C-alpha cells in the first residue's frame, strides 16, 4: 500500500481514531530513536569495555551471593 493510499484511508476514519494513529506513530518513532541512540552509545563504548579491566572488574563477582548489611 502506498503512502497516499494510507493517508486517504486514515482521512476516512473518525477523528478519535486518527488521533490514536498519530499517538501510536509518534510513540513508535520515539521508541526507535531511543533504541538507535542506545545502540550507537553501546557501539562507541564497546572497545573500552573489551580492553579496560577497570570498567569490568566488578563483573567477576556478579554470581557471588550478596547480603545487605542492616
Protein backbone atom coordinates (compact mmCIF):
# COMPACT_ATOMS: atom_id res chain seq x y z
CA UNK A 1 0.00 0.00 0.00
CA UNK A 2 1.37 3.39 -0.99
CA UNK A 3 1.63 6.32 1.40
CA UNK A 4 -1.05 8.27 -0.44
CA UNK A 5 -3.45 5.32 -0.13
CA UNK A 6 -2.76 5.04 3.60
CA UNK A 7 -3.44 8.75 4.07
CA UNK A 8 -6.71 8.52 2.17
CA UNK A 9 -7.83 5.61 4.34
CA UNK A 10 -6.86 7.47 7.52
CA UNK A 11 -8.83 10.50 6.40
CA UNK A 12 -11.95 8.32 6.27
CA UNK A 13 -11.66 7.45 9.96
CA UNK A 14 -13.31 9.35 12.81
CA UNK A 15 -11.15 11.97 14.50
CA UNK A 16 -10.61 9.88 17.64
CA UNK A 17 -9.16 7.01 15.60
CA UNK A 18 -6.98 9.42 13.64
CA UNK A 19 -5.58 10.84 16.88
CA UNK A 20 -4.89 7.29 18.07
CA UNK A 21 -2.93 6.59 14.89
CA UNK A 22 -0.92 9.79 15.38
CA UNK A 23 -0.15 8.96 19.03
CA UNK A 24 0.94 5.41 18.24
CA UNK A 25 3.07 6.58 15.33
CA UNK A 26 4.83 9.18 17.48
CA UNK A 27 5.43 6.59 20.22
CA UNK A 28 6.90 4.22 17.65
CA UNK A 29 9.22 6.90 16.28
CA UNK A 30 10.40 7.87 19.78
CA UNK A 31 10.99 4.21 20.71
CA UNK A 32 13.02 3.61 17.55
CA UNK A 33 15.02 6.79 18.14
CA UNK A 34 15.85 5.74 21.71
CA UNK A 35 16.95 2.30 20.56
CA UNK A 36 19.17 3.82 17.87
CA UNK A 37 20.77 6.17 20.41
CA UNK A 38 21.43 3.30 22.84
CA UNK A 39 22.93 1.13 20.08
CA UNK A 40 25.19 3.98 18.98
CA UNK A 41 26.36 4.61 22.56
CA UNK A 42 26.97 0.91 23.17
CA UNK A 43 28.99 0.61 19.97
CA UNK A 44 31.06 3.65 20.89
CA UNK A 45 31.95 2.17 24.29
CA UNK A 46 32.43 -1.45 23.22
CA UNK A 47 36.18 -1.25 22.67
CA UNK A 48 36.64 0.44 26.06
CA UNK A 49 34.79 -2.35 27.84
CA UNK A 50 36.67 -5.03 25.92
CA UNK A 51 40.09 -3.61 26.75
CA UNK A 52 39.82 -1.70 30.05
CA UNK A 53 39.78 -4.08 33.01
CA UNK A 54 38.81 -1.31 35.43
CA UNK A 55 35.44 -0.93 33.70
CA UNK A 56 34.58 -4.60 34.09
CA UNK A 57 36.38 -5.56 37.31
CA UNK A 58 33.17 -5.95 39.32
CA UNK A 59 31.57 -8.33 36.83
CA UNK A 60 33.74 -11.05 38.33
CA UNK A 61 31.55 -11.04 41.44
CA UNK A 62 28.20 -10.96 39.62
CA UNK A 63 27.34 -14.53 40.62
CA UNK A 64 28.51 -14.20 44.24
CA UNK A 65 25.89 -14.17 46.99
CA UNK A 66 25.06 -10.69 48.20
CA UNK A 67 23.89 -9.94 51.71
CA UNK A 68 22.69 -6.47 52.57
CA UNK A 69 24.13 -5.01 55.76
CA UNK A 70 21.47 -3.66 58.07
